[in-house]
Amino acid sequence: FIHGGGGFGNQEQQYYSQNNAVVQGGSLKITARCQDYEGHQFTSAKLTTHHLADWGPGHRVDVRAKLPQGKGTWPAIWMLSTDSVYGQWPASGEIDIMEAVGCTRDKIYGTIHTGRYNHMKNTEKYNTMSLAVGDWHTYSLVWEDYELRWYVDGVEYHK
């Protein structure tokens, strides 16, 4: 779990606490709450596998998720490099397996960010898919030696 607030480089308004996550019926449930805590008006949960697990070429990552909806939400399933060998973000890369920006209703993004390809330069590499984000879906990334492929419910929508 990540504990703390302070924006994490994205001006995030919530304080992250493990009190907002529970495993119930075989599913991880993350709850955002409107509550004053540590100088923040909202709380949520943020989990990490940093130094616990690594993925790379030859791996497939599948995540089954039902996402929150609405303006102000930004659920995401993403990967950063374990070690920032090429420098700070975005130089060492980020792979968004799934990102749903609350102001773009019923749309998910699959994106890769690097020093060369990122939103600050308007050069990021992404594609989108329209779907009901409030329903259960399986979001997948297949990482081959020379290619990344994004899927939703087995349907490829980006590579």
C-alpha atoms as a PDB file:
ATOM      1  CA  PHE A   1       0.000   0.000   0.000  1.00  0.00           C
ATOM      2  CA  ILE A   2       0.997   3.588  -0.594  1.00  0.00           C
ATOM      3  CA  HIS A   3       0.287   5.830   2.385  1.00  0.00           C
ATOM      4  CA  GLY A   4       0.161   9.591   2.077  1.00  0.00           C
ATOM      5  CA  GLY A   5      -1.065  12.568   0.154  1.00  0.00           C
ATOM      6  CA  GLY A   6       0.596  15.431  -1.611  1.00  0.00           C
ATOM      7  CA  GLY A   7      -0.456  14.912  -5.198  1.00  0.00           C
ATOM      8  CA  PHE A   8       2.117  12.349  -6.410  1.00  0.00           C
ATOM      9  CA  GLY A   9       2.986  14.623  -9.350  1.00  0.00           C
ATOM     10  CA  ASN A  10      -0.626  14.734 -10.572  1.00  0.00           C
ATOM     11  CA  GLN A  11      -2.206  17.168  -8.098  1.00  0.00           C
ATOM     12  CA  GLU A  12      -4.175  14.266  -6.636  1.00  0.00           C
ATOM     13  CA  GLN A  13      -6.493  15.557  -3.939  1.00  0.00           C
ATOM     14  CA  GLN A  14      -6.920  12.383  -1.901  1.00  0.00           C
ATOM     15  CA  TYR A  15      -4.953  10.862   0.937  1.00  0.00           C
ATOM     16  CA  TYR A  16      -4.105   7.206   0.302  1.00  0.00           C
ATOM     17  CA  SER A  17      -4.726   4.778   3.155  1.00  0.00           C
ATOM     18  CA  GLN A  18      -5.018   1.006   3.421  1.00  0.00           C
ATOM     19  CA  ASN A  19      -8.244   1.630   5.357  1.00  0.00           C
ATOM     20  CA  ASN A  20      -9.908   2.227   1.981  1.00  0.00           C
ATOM     21  CA  ALA A  21      -9.123  -1.234   0.576  1.00  0.00           C
ATOM     22  CA  VAL A  22     -10.556  -4.612   1.491  1.00  0.00           C
ATOM     23  CA  VAL A  23     -10.690  -8.051  -0.120  1.00  0.00           C
ATOM     24  CA  GLN A  24     -14.283  -9.267  -0.125  1.00  0.00           C
ATOM     25  CA  GLY A  25     -15.672 -12.287  -1.946  1.00  0.00           C
ATOM     26  CA  GLY A  26     -12.400 -12.742  -3.822  1.00  0.00           C
ATOM     27  CA  SER A  27     -12.354  -9.148  -5.112  1.00  0.00           C
ATOM     28  CA  LEU A  28     -10.223  -6.204  -4.059  1.00  0.00           C
ATOM     29  CA  LYS A  29     -12.516  -3.273  -3.337  1.00  0.00           C
ATOM     30  CA  ILE A  30     -11.079   0.230  -3.207  1.00  0.00           C
ATOM     31  CA  THR A  31     -13.418   2.862  -1.799  1.00  0.00           C
ATOM     32  CA  ALA A  32     -13.026   6.618  -2.191  1.00  0.00           C
ATOM     33  CA  ARG A  33     -14.535   8.597   0.664  1.00  0.00           C
ATOM     34  CA  CYS A  34     -15.358  12.245   1.226  1.00  0.00           C
ATOM     35  CA  GLN A  35     -13.726  12.737   4.623  1.00  0.00           C
ATOM     36  CA  ASP A  36     -11.235  15.087   6.228  1.00  0.00           C
ATOM     37  CA  TYR A  37      -7.991  13.227   6.871  1.00  0.00           C
ATOM     38  CA  GLU A  38      -4.430  14.517   7.258  1.00  0.00           C
ATOM     39  CA  GLY A  39      -5.354  17.840   5.632  1.00  0.00           C
ATOM     40  CA  HIS A  40      -7.146  16.241   2.680  1.00  0.00           C
ATOM     41  CA  GLN A  41     -10.887  16.170   1.978  1.00  0.00           C
ATOM     42  CA  PHE A  42     -10.875  12.746   0.311  1.00  0.00           C
ATOM     43  CA  THR A  43      -9.359   9.328   0.998  1.00  0.00           C
ATOM     44  CA  SER A  44      -8.774   6.347  -1.267  1.00  0.00           C
ATOM     45  CA  ALA A  45      -6.284   3.475  -1.620  1.00  0.00           C
ATOM     46  CA  LYS A  46      -3.257   2.982  -3.852  1.00  0.00           C
ATOM     47  CA  LEU A  47      -1.454  -0.343  -4.153  1.00  0.00           C
ATOM     48  CA  THR A  48       1.994  -1.064  -5.540  1.00  0.00           C
ATOM     49  CA  THR A  49       4.083  -4.088  -6.473  1.00  0.00           C
ATOM     50  CA  HIS A  50       7.341  -2.066  -6.482  1.00  0.00           C
ATOM     51  CA  HIS A  51      10.207  -4.431  -5.568  1.00  0.00           C
ATOM     52  CA  LEU A  52       7.673  -7.259  -5.093  1.00  0.00           C
ATOM     53  CA  ALA A  53       7.181  -8.365  -8.708  1.00  0.00           C
ATOM     54  CA  ASP A  54       8.425  -7.430 -12.172  1.00  0.00           C
ATOM     55  CA  TRP A  55       6.992  -7.915 -15.650  1.00  0.00           C
ATOM     56  CA  GLY A  56       8.569  -7.558 -19.064  1.00  0.00           C
ATOM     57  CA  PRO A  57       8.827  -9.236 -22.461  1.00  0.00           C
ATOM     58  CA  GLY A  58       7.135 -12.623 -22.466  1.00  0.00           C
ATOM     59  CA  HIS A  59       4.517 -11.659 -19.883  1.00  0.00           C
ATOM     60  CA  ARG A  60       0.794 -11.130 -20.026  1.00  0.00           C
ATOM     61  CA  VAL A  61      -1.016  -9.102 -17.367  1.00  0.00           C
ATOM     62  CA  ASP A  62      -4.786  -9.536 -16.941  1.00  0.00           C
ATOM     63  CA  VAL A  63      -6.817  -7.445 -14.500  1.00  0.00           C
ATOM     64  CA  ARG A  64     -10.552  -7.854 -14.069  1.00  0.00           C
ATOM     65  CA  ALA A  65     -12.018  -4.587 -12.828  1.00  0.00           C
ATOM     66  CA  LYS A  66     -15.191  -2.595 -12.436  1.00  0.00           C
ATOM     67  CA  LEU A  67     -14.367   1.113 -12.455  1.00  0.00           C
ATOM     68  CA  PRO A  68     -15.848   4.149 -10.779  1.00  0.00           C
ATOM     69  CA  GLN A  69     -17.432   6.712 -13.070  1.00  0.00           C
ATOM     70  CA  GLY A  70     -17.847  10.446 -13.021  1.00  0.00           C
ATOM     71  CA  LYS A  71     -16.038  13.725 -13.235  1.00  0.00           C
ATOM     72  CA  GLY A  72     -13.056  13.829 -10.911  1.00  0.00           C
ATOM     73  CA  THR A  73     -12.320  10.095 -11.074  1.00  0.00           C
ATOM     74  CA  TRP A  74      -9.232   8.737 -12.822  1.00  0.00           C
ATOM     75  CA  PRO A  75      -8.949   4.996 -12.217  1.00  0.00           C
ATOM     76  CA  ALA A  76      -5.873   3.430 -13.739  1.00  0.00           C
ATOM     77  CA  ILE A  77      -3.936   0.180 -13.864  1.00  0.00           C
ATOM     78  CA  TRP A  78      -0.393   1.042 -14.816  1.00  0.00           C
ATOM     79  CA  MET A  79       3.228  -0.056 -14.611  1.00  0.00           C
ATOM     80  CA  LEU A  80       6.435   1.850 -13.972  1.00  0.00           C
ATOM     81  CA  SER A  81       9.944   0.477 -14.223  1.00  0.00           C
ATOM     82  CA  THR A  82      11.322  -0.975 -10.993  1.00  0.00           C
ATOM     83  CA  ASP A  83      14.456   1.146 -11.260  1.00  0.00           C
ATOM     84  CA  SER A  84      14.551   4.531 -12.983  1.00  0.00           C
ATOM     85  CA  VAL A  85      17.643   3.636 -15.001  1.00  0.00           C
ATOM     86  CA  TYR A  86      16.890   6.245 -17.690  1.00  0.00           C
ATOM     87  CA  GLY A  87      15.920   8.993 -15.241  1.00  0.00           C
ATOM     88  CA  GLN A  88      12.754  10.291 -13.669  1.00  0.00           C
ATOM     89  CA  TRP A  89       9.317  10.012 -15.249  1.00  0.00           C
ATOM     90  CA  PRO A  90       8.714   9.745 -18.118  1.00  0.00           C
ATOM     91  CA  ALA A  91      12.265   8.863 -19.199  1.00  0.00           C
ATOM     92  CA  SER A  92      12.163   5.355 -17.687  1.00  0.00           C
ATOM     93  CA  GLY A  93       8.674   4.717 -19.035  1.00  0.00           C
ATOM     94  CA  GLU A  94       5.113   4.074 -17.964  1.00  0.00           C
ATOM     95  CA  ILE A  95       2.638   1.619 -19.437  1.00  0.00           C
ATOM     96  CA  ASP A  96      -1.030   2.293 -18.779  1.00  0.00           C
ATOM     97  CA  ILE A  97      -2.781  -1.052 -19.095  1.00  0.00           C
ATOM     98  CA  MET A  98      -6.024   0.863 -18.581  1.00  0.00           C
ATOM     99  CA  GLU A  99      -6.829   4.431 -17.725  1.00  0.00           C
ATOM    100  CA  ALA A 100     -10.327   5.919 -17.551  1.00  0.00           C
ATOM    101  CA  VAL A 101     -10.456   9.705 -17.293  1.00  0.00           C
ATOM    102  CA  GLY A 102     -13.679  10.759 -15.594  1.00  0.00           C
ATOM    103  CA  CYS A 103     -14.326  13.663 -17.957  1.00  0.00           C
ATOM    104  CA  THR A 104     -14.378  11.329 -21.009  1.00  0.00           C
ATOM    105  CA  ARG A 105     -17.372   9.123 -20.214  1.00  0.00           C
ATOM    106  CA  ASP A 106     -17.313   5.426 -21.135  1.00  0.00           C
ATOM    107  CA  LYS A 107     -13.857   5.456 -22.705  1.00  0.00           C
ATOM    108  CA  ILE A 108     -10.640   3.754 -21.647  1.00  0.00           C
ATOM    109  CA  TYR A 109      -7.097   4.471 -22.787  1.00  0.00           C
ATOM    110  CA  GLY A 110      -4.110   2.203 -23.326  1.00  0.00           C
ATOM    111  CA  THR A 111      -0.978   4.359 -23.345  1.00  0.00           C
ATOM    112  CA  ILE A 112       2.796   4.214 -23.263  1.00  0.00           C
ATOM    113  CA  HIS A 113       4.820   7.154 -21.967  1.00  0.00           C
ATOM    114  CA  THR A 114       8.586   7.556 -22.451  1.00  0.00           C
ATOM    115  CA  GLY A 115      11.033  10.431 -22.710  1.00  0.00           C
ATOM    116  CA  ARG A 116      10.293  10.644 -26.430  1.00  0.00           C
ATOM    117  CA  TYR A 117       6.589   9.775 -26.296  1.00  0.00           C
ATOM    118  CA  ASN A 118       4.617  11.647 -23.624  1.00  0.00           C
ATOM    119  CA  HIS A 119       1.690  14.017 -23.198  1.00  0.00           C
ATOM    120  CA  MET A 120       3.937  16.989 -22.362  1.00  0.00           C
ATOM    121  CA  LYS A 121       5.207  16.855 -25.965  1.00  0.00           C
ATOM    122  CA  ASN A 122       1.866  15.680 -27.444  1.00  0.00           C
ATOM    123  CA  THR A 123       3.695  12.594 -28.691  1.00  0.00           C
ATOM    124  CA  GLU A 124       2.305   9.883 -26.371  1.00  0.00           C
ATOM    125  CA  LYS A 125       1.320   6.616 -28.032  1.00  0.00           C
ATOM    126  CA  TYR A 126      -2.212   5.568 -27.131  1.00  0.00           C
ATOM    127  CA  ASN A 127      -5.504   4.277 -28.361  1.00  0.00           C
ATOM    128  CA  THR A 128      -8.971   4.280 -26.847  1.00  0.00           C
ATOM    129  CA  MET A 129     -11.952   1.998 -26.669  1.00  0.00           C
ATOM    130  CA  SER A 130     -15.535   2.910 -25.861  1.00  0.00           C
ATOM    131  CA  LEU A 131     -17.270   0.704 -23.309  1.00  0.00           C
ATOM    132  CA  ALA A 132     -19.365   0.878 -20.151  1.00  0.00           C
ATOM    133  CA  VAL A 133     -16.559   1.353 -17.624  1.00  0.00           C
ATOM    134  CA  GLY A 134     -18.937   0.706 -14.713  1.00  0.00           C
ATOM    135  CA  ASP A 135     -19.327  -2.928 -15.834  1.00  0.00           C
ATOM    136  CA  TRP A 136     -16.844  -5.735 -15.153  1.00  0.00           C
ATOM    137  CA  HIS A 137     -14.160  -6.081 -17.861  1.00  0.00           C
ATOM    138  CA  THR A 138     -10.822  -7.850 -18.207  1.00  0.00           C
ATOM    139  CA  TYR A 139      -8.046  -5.415 -19.170  1.00  0.00           C
ATOM    140  CA  SER A 140      -4.947  -7.086 -20.587  1.00  0.00           C
ATOM    141  CA  LEU A 141      -1.467  -6.225 -21.756  1.00  0.00           C
ATOM    142  CA  VAL A 142       0.651  -8.688 -23.745  1.00  0.00           C
ATOM    143  CA  TRP A 143       4.347  -7.746 -23.735  1.00  0.00           C
ATOM    144  CA  GLU A 144       6.456  -9.328 -26.456  1.00  0.00           C
ATOM    145  CA  ASP A 145      10.106  -8.602 -27.255  1.00  0.00           C
ATOM    146  CA  TYR A 146       9.238  -5.957 -29.851  1.00  0.00           C
ATOM    147  CA  GLU A 147       5.561  -5.254 -29.309  1.00  0.00           C
ATOM    148  CA  LEU A 148       2.949  -4.375 -26.698  1.00  0.00           C
ATOM    149  CA  ARG A 149      -0.712  -5.267 -27.278  1.00  0.00           C
ATOM    150  CA  TRP A 150      -3.715  -4.004 -25.278  1.00  0.00           C
ATOM    151  CA  TYR A 151      -6.991  -5.932 -24.934  1.00  0.00           C
ATOM    152  CA  VAL A 152     -10.379  -5.537 -23.311  1.00  0.00           C
ATOM    153  CA  ASP A 153     -12.345  -8.758 -22.826  1.00  0.00           C
ATOM    154  CA  GLY A 154     -10.074 -10.482 -25.348  1.00  0.00           C
ATOM    155  CA  VAL A 155     -10.511  -7.826 -28.066  1.00  0.00           C
ATOM    156  CA  GLU A 156      -7.276  -6.135 -29.168  1.00  0.00           C
ATOM    157  CA  TYR A 157      -7.608  -2.370 -29.447  1.00  0.00           C
ATOM    158  CA  HIS A 158      -4.025  -1.083 -29.437  1.00  0.00           C
ATOM    159  CA  LYS A 159      -0.474  -2.171 -30.317  1.00  0.00           C
END
